[in-house]
Amino acid sequence: EDLQQIMIEAFNNGRDLARELTLKDEQEFLNRIRDQIEIHELTDAERQAFVRDSLAIHKQFEKVVTPQLLKTVHEAAGIKP
């Protein structure tokens, strides 16, 4: 138990750093290819439509990844099913 909190904090720190580095890498890659291809960035309305239309697929995976995990993902992404 005494190491559990340390492990949770280490995991959270590693997760947060990985996300930060991924976002940085994605931006660098996009900047490198931006003049070679057309990149369409979704508007808020397009993103909402994509999320709405993909919720049926989320439902299909509910038994595989558990309803609680989907709920956590939806909350983190700001999705209201």
PDB file of N, CA and C in Angstrom:
ATOM      1  N   GLU A   1       0.817  -1.210   0.000  1.00  0.00           N
ATOM      2  CA  GLU A   1       0.000   0.000   0.000  1.00  0.00           C
ATOM      3  C   GLU A   1       0.851   1.260   0.000  1.00  0.00           C
ATOM      4  N   ASP A   2       1.979   1.231   0.699  1.00  0.00           N
ATOM      5  CA  ASP A   2       2.788   2.435   0.788  1.00  0.00           C
ATOM      6  C   ASP A   2       3.397   2.809  -0.555  1.00  0.00           C
ATOM      7  N   LEU A   3       3.586   1.847  -1.436  1.00  0.00           N
ATOM      8  CA  LEU A   3       4.135   2.142  -2.762  1.00  0.00           C
ATOM      9  C   LEU A   3       3.052   2.414  -3.804  1.00  0.00           C
ATOM     10  N   GLN A   4       1.828   2.074  -3.457  1.00  0.00           N
ATOM     11  CA  GLN A   4       0.736   2.237  -4.414  1.00  0.00           C
ATOM     12  C   GLN A   4       0.582   3.695  -4.859  1.00  0.00           C
ATOM     13  N   GLN A   5       0.592   4.623  -3.944  1.00  0.00           N
ATOM     14  CA  GLN A   5       0.431   6.037  -4.295  1.00  0.00           C
ATOM     15  C   GLN A   5       1.598   6.515  -5.146  1.00  0.00           C
ATOM     16  N   ILE A   6       2.801   6.066  -4.822  1.00  0.00           N
ATOM     17  CA  ILE A   6       3.977   6.439  -5.610  1.00  0.00           C
ATOM     18  C   ILE A   6       3.836   5.918  -7.037  1.00  0.00           C
ATOM     19  N   MET A   7       3.360   4.691  -7.180  1.00  0.00           N
ATOM     20  CA  MET A   7       3.179   4.107  -8.514  1.00  0.00           C
ATOM     21  C   MET A   7       2.097   4.850  -9.302  1.00  0.00           C
ATOM     22  N   ILE A   8       1.029   5.215  -8.631  1.00  0.00           N
ATOM     23  CA  ILE A   8      -0.053   5.958  -9.296  1.00  0.00           C
ATOM     24  C   ILE A   8       0.465   7.312  -9.780  1.00  0.00           C
ATOM     25  N   GLU A   9       1.205   7.999  -8.938  1.00  0.00           N
ATOM     26  CA  GLU A   9       1.760   9.300  -9.325  1.00  0.00           C
ATOM     27  C   GLU A   9       2.753   9.153 -10.474  1.00  0.00           C
ATOM     28  N   ALA A  10       3.593   8.126 -10.419  1.00  0.00           N
ATOM     29  CA  ALA A  10       4.565   7.899 -11.494  1.00  0.00           C
ATOM     30  C   ALA A  10       3.841   7.612 -12.807  1.00  0.00           C
ATOM     31  N   PHE A  11       2.807   6.780 -12.749  1.00  0.00           N
ATOM     32  CA  PHE A  11       2.027   6.489 -13.943  1.00  0.00           C
ATOM     33  C   PHE A  11       1.395   7.762 -14.503  1.00  0.00           C
ATOM     34  N   ASN A  12       0.778   8.542 -13.632  1.00  0.00           N
ATOM     35  CA  ASN A  12       0.128   9.779 -14.079  1.00  0.00           C
ATOM     36  C   ASN A  12       1.135  10.742 -14.710  1.00  0.00           C
ATOM     37  N   ASN A  13       2.305  10.864 -14.093  1.00  0.00           N
ATOM     38  CA  ASN A  13       3.340  11.740 -14.657  1.00  0.00           C
ATOM     39  C   ASN A  13       3.795  11.244 -16.023  1.00  0.00           C
ATOM     40  N   GLY A  14       4.020   9.938 -16.138  1.00  0.00           N
ATOM     41  CA  GLY A  14       4.428   9.361 -17.413  1.00  0.00           C
ATOM     42  C   GLY A  14       3.364   9.527 -18.480  1.00  0.00           C
ATOM     43  N   ARG A  15       2.116   9.300 -18.115  1.00  0.00           N
ATOM     44  CA  ARG A  15       0.994   9.469 -19.043  1.00  0.00           C
ATOM     45  C   ARG A  15       0.903  10.909 -19.535  1.00  0.00           C
ATOM     46  N   ASP A  16       0.999  11.849 -18.603  1.00  0.00           N
ATOM     47  CA  ASP A  16       0.894  13.258 -18.971  1.00  0.00           C
ATOM     48  C   ASP A  16       2.037  13.692 -19.884  1.00  0.00           C
ATOM     49  N   LEU A  17       3.244  13.234 -19.596  1.00  0.00           N
ATOM     50  CA  LEU A  17       4.382  13.573 -20.437  1.00  0.00           C
ATOM     51  C   LEU A  17       4.232  12.941 -21.818  1.00  0.00           C
ATOM     52  N   ALA A  18       3.785  11.705 -21.880  1.00  0.00           N
ATOM     53  CA  ALA A  18       3.590  11.034 -23.170  1.00  0.00           C
ATOM     54  C   ALA A  18       2.569  11.788 -24.014  1.00  0.00           C
ATOM     55  N   ARG A  19       1.503  12.246 -23.404  1.00  0.00           N
ATOM     56  CA  ARG A  19       0.481  13.005 -24.140  1.00  0.00           C
ATOM     57  C   ARG A  19       1.064  14.322 -24.656  1.00  0.00           C
ATOM     58  N   GLU A  20       1.818  14.996 -23.814  1.00  0.00           N
ATOM     59  CA  GLU A  20       2.434  16.266 -24.197  1.00  0.00           C
ATOM     60  C   GLU A  20       3.394  16.070 -25.373  1.00  0.00           C
ATOM     61  N   LEU A  21       4.225  15.045 -25.288  1.00  0.00           N
ATOM     62  CA  LEU A  21       5.186  14.786 -26.364  1.00  0.00           C
ATOM     63  C   LEU A  21       4.486  14.359 -27.653  1.00  0.00           C
ATOM     64  N   THR A  22       3.409  13.599 -27.529  1.00  0.00           N
ATOM     65  CA  THR A  22       2.651  13.183 -28.706  1.00  0.00           C
ATOM     66  C   THR A  22       2.055  14.393 -29.418  1.00  0.00           C
ATOM     67  N   LEU A  23       1.464  15.304 -28.661  1.00  0.00           N
ATOM     68  CA  LEU A  23       0.894  16.510 -29.267  1.00  0.00           C
ATOM     69  C   LEU A  23       1.978  17.338 -29.959  1.00  0.00           C
ATOM     70  N   LYS A  24       3.129  17.445 -29.332  1.00  0.00           N
ATOM     71  CA  LYS A  24       4.242  18.189 -29.920  1.00  0.00           C
ATOM     72  C   LYS A  24       4.697  17.522 -31.216  1.00  0.00           C
ATOM     73  N   ASP A  25       4.868  16.194 -31.185  1.00  0.00           N
ATOM     74  CA  ASP A  25       5.279  15.464 -32.387  1.00  0.00           C
ATOM     75  C   ASP A  25       4.258  15.604 -33.508  1.00  0.00           C
ATOM     76  N   GLU A  26       2.972  15.489 -33.169  1.00  0.00           N
ATOM     77  CA  GLU A  26       1.927  15.620 -34.180  1.00  0.00           C
ATOM     78  C   GLU A  26       2.010  16.979 -34.862  1.00  0.00           C
ATOM     79  N   GLN A  27       2.197  18.031 -34.078  1.00  0.00           N
ATOM     80  CA  GLN A  27       2.281  19.372 -34.645  1.00  0.00           C
ATOM     81  C   GLN A  27       3.494  19.509 -35.547  1.00  0.00           C
ATOM     82  N   GLU A  28       4.620  18.947 -35.133  1.00  0.00           N
ATOM     83  CA  GLU A  28       5.830  18.998 -35.960  1.00  0.00           C
ATOM     84  C   GLU A  28       5.620  18.250 -37.280  1.00  0.00           C
ATOM     85  N   PHE A  29       4.997  17.072 -37.220  1.00  0.00           N
ATOM     86  CA  PHE A  29       4.733  16.301 -38.441  1.00  0.00           C
ATOM     87  C   PHE A  29       3.785  17.055 -39.371  1.00  0.00           C
ATOM     88  N   LEU A  30       2.749  17.639 -38.801  1.00  0.00           N
ATOM     89  CA  LEU A  30       1.813  18.410 -39.615  1.00  0.00           C
ATOM     90  C   LEU A  30       2.517  19.588 -40.281  1.00  0.00           C
ATOM     91  N   ASN A  31       3.377  20.264 -39.547  1.00  0.00           N
ATOM     92  CA  ASN A  31       4.107  21.396 -40.111  1.00  0.00           C
ATOM     93  C   ASN A  31       5.013  20.952 -41.264  1.00  0.00           C
ATOM     94  N   ARG A  32       5.595  19.769 -41.151  1.00  0.00           N
ATOM     95  CA  ARG A  32       6.475  19.261 -42.206  1.00  0.00           C
ATOM     96  C   ARG A  32       5.728  18.928 -43.497  1.00  0.00           C
ATOM     97  N   ILE A  33       4.503  18.449 -43.371  1.00  0.00           N
ATOM     98  CA  ILE A  33       3.777  18.005 -44.567  1.00  0.00           C
ATOM     99  C   ILE A  33       2.723  18.996 -45.042  1.00  0.00           C
ATOM    100  N   ARG A  34       2.520  20.051 -44.296  1.00  0.00           N
ATOM    101  CA  ARG A  34       1.448  21.001 -44.607  1.00  0.00           C
ATOM    102  C   ARG A  34       1.523  21.548 -46.040  1.00  0.00           C
ATOM    103  N   ASP A  35       2.727  21.774 -46.554  1.00  0.00           N
ATOM    104  CA  ASP A  35       2.853  22.326 -47.906  1.00  0.00           C
ATOM    105  C   ASP A  35       2.826  21.234 -48.978  1.00  0.00           C
ATOM    106  N   GLN A  36       2.724  19.965 -48.577  1.00  0.00           N
ATOM    107  CA  GLN A  36       2.707  18.860 -49.527  1.00  0.00           C
ATOM    108  C   GLN A  36       1.322  18.262 -49.731  1.00  0.00           C
ATOM    109  N   ILE A  37       0.452  18.440 -48.755  1.00  0.00           N
ATOM    110  CA  ILE A  37      -0.902  17.903 -48.852  1.00  0.00           C
ATOM    111  C   ILE A  37      -1.890  18.914 -48.295  1.00  0.00           C
ATOM    112  N   GLU A  38      -3.144  18.679 -48.608  1.00  0.00           N
ATOM    113  CA  GLU A  38      -4.194  19.517 -48.038  1.00  0.00           C
ATOM    114  C   GLU A  38      -4.658  18.887 -46.730  1.00  0.00           C
ATOM    115  N   ILE A  39      -4.678  19.663 -45.695  1.00  0.00           N
ATOM    116  CA  ILE A  39      -5.115  19.188 -44.387  1.00  0.00           C
ATOM    117  C   ILE A  39      -6.421  19.884 -44.041  1.00  0.00           C
ATOM    118  N   HIS A  40      -7.448  19.088 -43.805  1.00  0.00           N
ATOM    119  CA  HIS A  40      -8.747  19.645 -43.424  1.00  0.00           C
ATOM    120  C   HIS A  40      -8.916  19.474 -41.922  1.00  0.00           C
ATOM    121  N   GLU A  41      -8.970  20.570 -41.218  1.00  0.00           N
ATOM    122  CA  GLU A  41      -9.200  20.522 -39.782  1.00  0.00           C
ATOM    123  C   GLU A  41     -10.697  20.687 -39.528  1.00  0.00           C
ATOM    124  N   LEU A  42     -11.228  19.785 -38.736  1.00  0.00           N
ATOM    125  CA  LEU A  42     -12.660  19.779 -38.488  1.00  0.00           C
ATOM    126  C   LEU A  42     -13.106  21.025 -37.723  1.00  0.00           C
ATOM    127  N   THR A  43     -14.229  21.539 -38.133  1.00  0.00           N
ATOM    128  CA  THR A  43     -14.863  22.602 -37.357  1.00  0.00           C
ATOM    129  C   THR A  43     -15.523  21.949 -36.144  1.00  0.00           C
ATOM    130  N   ASP A  44     -15.966  22.747 -35.219  1.00  0.00           N
ATOM    131  CA  ASP A  44     -16.668  22.193 -34.051  1.00  0.00           C
ATOM    132  C   ASP A  44     -17.911  21.418 -34.487  1.00  0.00           C
ATOM    133  N   ALA A  45     -18.634  21.949 -35.456  1.00  0.00           N
ATOM    134  CA  ALA A  45     -19.847  21.278 -35.935  1.00  0.00           C
ATOM    135  C   ALA A  45     -19.499  19.939 -36.598  1.00  0.00           C
ATOM    136  N   GLU A  46     -18.426  19.911 -37.380  1.00  0.00           N
ATOM    137  CA  GLU A  46     -18.010  18.659 -38.021  1.00  0.00           C
ATOM    138  C   GLU A  46     -17.562  17.636 -36.987  1.00  0.00           C
ATOM    139  N   ARG A  47     -16.841  18.098 -35.981  1.00  0.00           N
ATOM    140  CA  ARG A  47     -16.391  17.188 -34.929  1.00  0.00           C
ATOM    141  C   ARG A  47     -17.583  16.616 -34.183  1.00  0.00           C
ATOM    142  N   GLN A  48     -18.545  17.456 -33.863  1.00  0.00           N
ATOM    143  CA  GLN A  48     -19.741  16.988 -33.162  1.00  0.00           C
ATOM    144  C   GLN A  48     -20.502  15.963 -34.000  1.00  0.00           C
ATOM    145  N   ALA A  49     -20.585  16.200 -35.311  1.00  0.00           N
ATOM    146  CA  ALA A  49     -21.265  15.249 -36.204  1.00  0.00           C
ATOM    147  C   ALA A  49     -20.516  13.921 -36.241  1.00  0.00           C
ATOM    148  N   PHE A  50     -19.187  13.982 -36.294  1.00  0.00           N
ATOM    149  CA  PHE A  50     -18.373  12.768 -36.297  1.00  0.00           C
ATOM    150  C   PHE A  50     -18.592  11.971 -35.014  1.00  0.00           C
ATOM    151  N   VAL A  51     -18.560  12.668 -33.887  1.00  0.00           N
ATOM    152  CA  VAL A  51     -18.761  12.003 -32.602  1.00  0.00           C
ATOM    153  C   VAL A  51     -20.146  11.387 -32.548  1.00  0.00           C
ATOM    154  N   ARG A  52     -21.143  12.147 -32.920  1.00  0.00           N
ATOM    155  CA  ARG A  52     -22.534  11.657 -32.901  1.00  0.00           C
ATOM    156  C   ARG A  52     -22.675  10.408 -33.762  1.00  0.00           C
ATOM    157  N   ASP A  53     -22.101  10.456 -34.954  1.00  0.00           N
ATOM    158  CA  ASP A  53     -22.237   9.333 -35.879  1.00  0.00           C
ATOM    159  C   ASP A  53     -21.414   8.118 -35.470  1.00  0.00           C
ATOM    160  N   SER A  54     -20.421   8.314 -34.625  1.00  0.00           N
ATOM    161  CA  SER A  54     -19.580   7.182 -34.210  1.00  0.00           C
ATOM    162  C   SER A  54     -20.042   6.544 -32.900  1.00  0.00           C
ATOM    163  N   LEU A  55     -21.031   7.109 -32.245  1.00  0.00           N
ATOM    164  CA  LEU A  55     -21.472   6.561 -30.957  1.00  0.00           C
ATOM    165  C   LEU A  55     -22.013   5.145 -31.084  1.00  0.00           C
ATOM    166  N   ALA A  56     -22.598   4.803 -32.226  1.00  0.00           N
ATOM    167  CA  ALA A  56     -23.086   3.432 -32.427  1.00  0.00           C
ATOM    168  C   ALA A  56     -21.928   2.439 -32.385  1.00  0.00           C
ATOM    169  N   ILE A  57     -20.785   2.840 -32.908  1.00  0.00           N
ATOM    170  CA  ILE A  57     -19.610   1.975 -32.876  1.00  0.00           C
ATOM    171  C   ILE A  57     -19.108   1.841 -31.444  1.00  0.00           C
ATOM    172  N   HIS A  58     -19.140   2.930 -30.699  1.00  0.00           N
ATOM    173  CA  HIS A  58     -18.739   2.873 -29.293  1.00  0.00           C
ATOM    174  C   HIS A  58     -19.580   1.826 -28.569  1.00  0.00           C
ATOM    175  N   LYS A  59     -20.876   1.817 -28.841  1.00  0.00           N
ATOM    176  CA  LYS A  59     -21.798   0.889 -28.187  1.00  0.00           C
ATOM    177  C   LYS A  59     -21.411  -0.557 -28.480  1.00  0.00           C
ATOM    178  N   GLN A  60     -20.943  -0.821 -29.702  1.00  0.00           N
ATOM    179  CA  GLN A  60     -20.544  -2.177 -30.079  1.00  0.00           C
ATOM    180  C   GLN A  60     -19.362  -2.673 -29.243  1.00  0.00           C
ATOM    181  N   PHE A  61     -18.513  -1.773 -28.802  1.00  0.00           N
ATOM    182  CA  PHE A  61     -17.328  -2.159 -28.052  1.00  0.00           C
ATOM    183  C   PHE A  61     -17.546  -2.130 -26.537  1.00  0.00           C
ATOM    184  N   GLU A  62     -18.728  -1.792 -26.121  1.00  0.00           N
ATOM    185  CA  GLU A  62     -19.026  -1.660 -24.702  1.00  0.00           C
ATOM    186  C   GLU A  62     -18.726  -2.948 -23.929  1.00  0.00           C
ATOM    187  N   LYS A  63     -19.040  -4.101 -24.527  1.00  0.00           N
ATOM    188  CA  LYS A  63     -18.805  -5.373 -23.844  1.00  0.00           C
ATOM    189  C   LYS A  63     -17.325  -5.762 -23.853  1.00  0.00           C
ATOM    190  N   VAL A  64     -16.567  -5.209 -24.789  1.00  0.00           N
ATOM    191  CA  VAL A  64     -15.145  -5.533 -24.893  1.00  0.00           C
ATOM    192  C   VAL A  64     -14.326  -4.696 -23.915  1.00  0.00           C
ATOM    193  N   VAL A  65     -14.613  -3.403 -23.853  1.00  0.00           N
ATOM    194  CA  VAL A  65     -13.795  -2.498 -23.026  1.00  0.00           C
ATOM    195  C   VAL A  65     -14.489  -2.040 -21.749  1.00  0.00           C
ATOM    196  N   THR A  66     -15.665  -2.464 -21.511  1.00  0.00           N
ATOM    197  CA  THR A  66     -16.516  -2.145 -20.354  1.00  0.00           C
ATOM    198  C   THR A  66     -17.193  -0.782 -20.503  1.00  0.00           C
ATOM    199  N   PRO A  67     -18.427  -0.708 -20.048  1.00  0.00           N
ATOM    200  CA  PRO A  67     -19.161   0.561 -20.091  1.00  0.00           C
ATOM    201  C   PRO A  67     -18.453   1.666 -19.296  1.00  0.00           C
ATOM    202  N   GLN A  68     -17.821   1.299 -18.186  1.00  0.00           N
ATOM    203  CA  GLN A  68     -17.142   2.305 -17.361  1.00  0.00           C
ATOM    204  C   GLN A  68     -15.990   2.951 -18.110  1.00  0.00           C
ATOM    205  N   LEU A  69     -15.217   2.158 -18.859  1.00  0.00           N
ATOM    206  CA  LEU A  69     -14.106   2.723 -19.623  1.00  0.00           C
ATOM    207  C   LEU A  69     -14.629   3.672 -20.696  1.00  0.00           C
ATOM    208  N   LEU A  70     -15.697   3.267 -21.388  1.00  0.00           N
ATOM    209  CA  LEU A  70     -16.286   4.166 -22.390  1.00  0.00           C
ATOM    210  C   LEU A  70     -16.773   5.455 -21.737  1.00  0.00           C
ATOM    211  N   LYS A  71     -17.384   5.334 -20.568  1.00  0.00           N
ATOM    212  CA  LYS A  71     -17.855   6.528 -19.864  1.00  0.00           C
ATOM    213  C   LYS A  71     -16.681   7.450 -19.539  1.00  0.00           C
ATOM    214  N   THR A  72     -15.583   6.874 -19.081  1.00  0.00           N
ATOM    215  CA  THR A  72     -14.389   7.652 -18.754  1.00  0.00           C
ATOM    216  C   THR A  72     -13.850   8.356 -19.991  1.00  0.00           C
ATOM    217  N   VAL A  73     -13.793   7.637 -21.108  1.00  0.00           N
ATOM    218  CA  VAL A  73     -13.314   8.220 -22.366  1.00  0.00           C
ATOM    219  C   VAL A  73     -14.239   9.344 -22.803  1.00  0.00           C
ATOM    220  N   HIS A  74     -15.543   9.103 -22.740  1.00  0.00           N
ATOM    221  CA  HIS A  74     -16.502  10.136 -23.146  1.00  0.00           C
ATOM    222  C   HIS A  74     -16.356  11.385 -22.279  1.00  0.00           C
ATOM    223  N   GLU A  75     -16.205  11.190 -20.983  1.00  0.00           N
ATOM    224  CA  GLU A  75     -16.046  12.348 -20.093  1.00  0.00           C
ATOM    225  C   GLU A  75     -14.772  13.110 -20.407  1.00  0.00           C
ATOM    226  N   ALA A  76     -13.673  12.393 -20.644  1.00  0.00           N
ATOM    227  CA  ALA A  76     -12.392  13.038 -20.940  1.00  0.00           C
ATOM    228  C   ALA A  76     -12.441  13.804 -22.253  1.00  0.00           C
ATOM    229  N   ALA A  77     -13.199  13.281 -23.216  1.00  0.00           N
ATOM    230  CA  ALA A  77     -13.288  13.915 -24.522  1.00  0.00           C
ATOM    231  C   ALA A  77     -14.434  14.917 -24.615  1.00  0.00           C
ATOM    232  N   GLY A  78     -15.192  15.041 -23.562  1.00  0.00           N
ATOM    233  CA  GLY A  78     -16.311  15.980 -23.574  1.00  0.00           C
ATOM    234  C   GLY A  78     -17.477  15.500 -24.436  1.00  0.00           C
ATOM    235  N   ILE A  79     -17.621  14.181 -24.547  1.00  0.00           N
ATOM    236  CA  ILE A  79     -18.681  13.587 -25.367  1.00  0.00           C
ATOM    237  C   ILE A  79     -19.874  13.280 -24.466  1.00  0.00           C
ATOM    238  N   LYS A  80     -21.042  13.707 -24.917  1.00  0.00           N
ATOM    239  CA  LYS A  80     -22.275  13.412 -24.188  1.00  0.00           C
ATOM    240  C   LYS A  80     -23.115  12.471 -25.040  1.00  0.00           C
ATOM    241  N   PRO A  81     -23.021  11.144 -24.753  1.00  0.00           N
ATOM    242  CA  PRO A  81     -23.766  10.172 -25.575  1.00  0.00           C
ATOM    243  C   PRO A  81     -25.264  10.297 -25.430  1.00  0.00           C
TER     244      PRO A  81
END
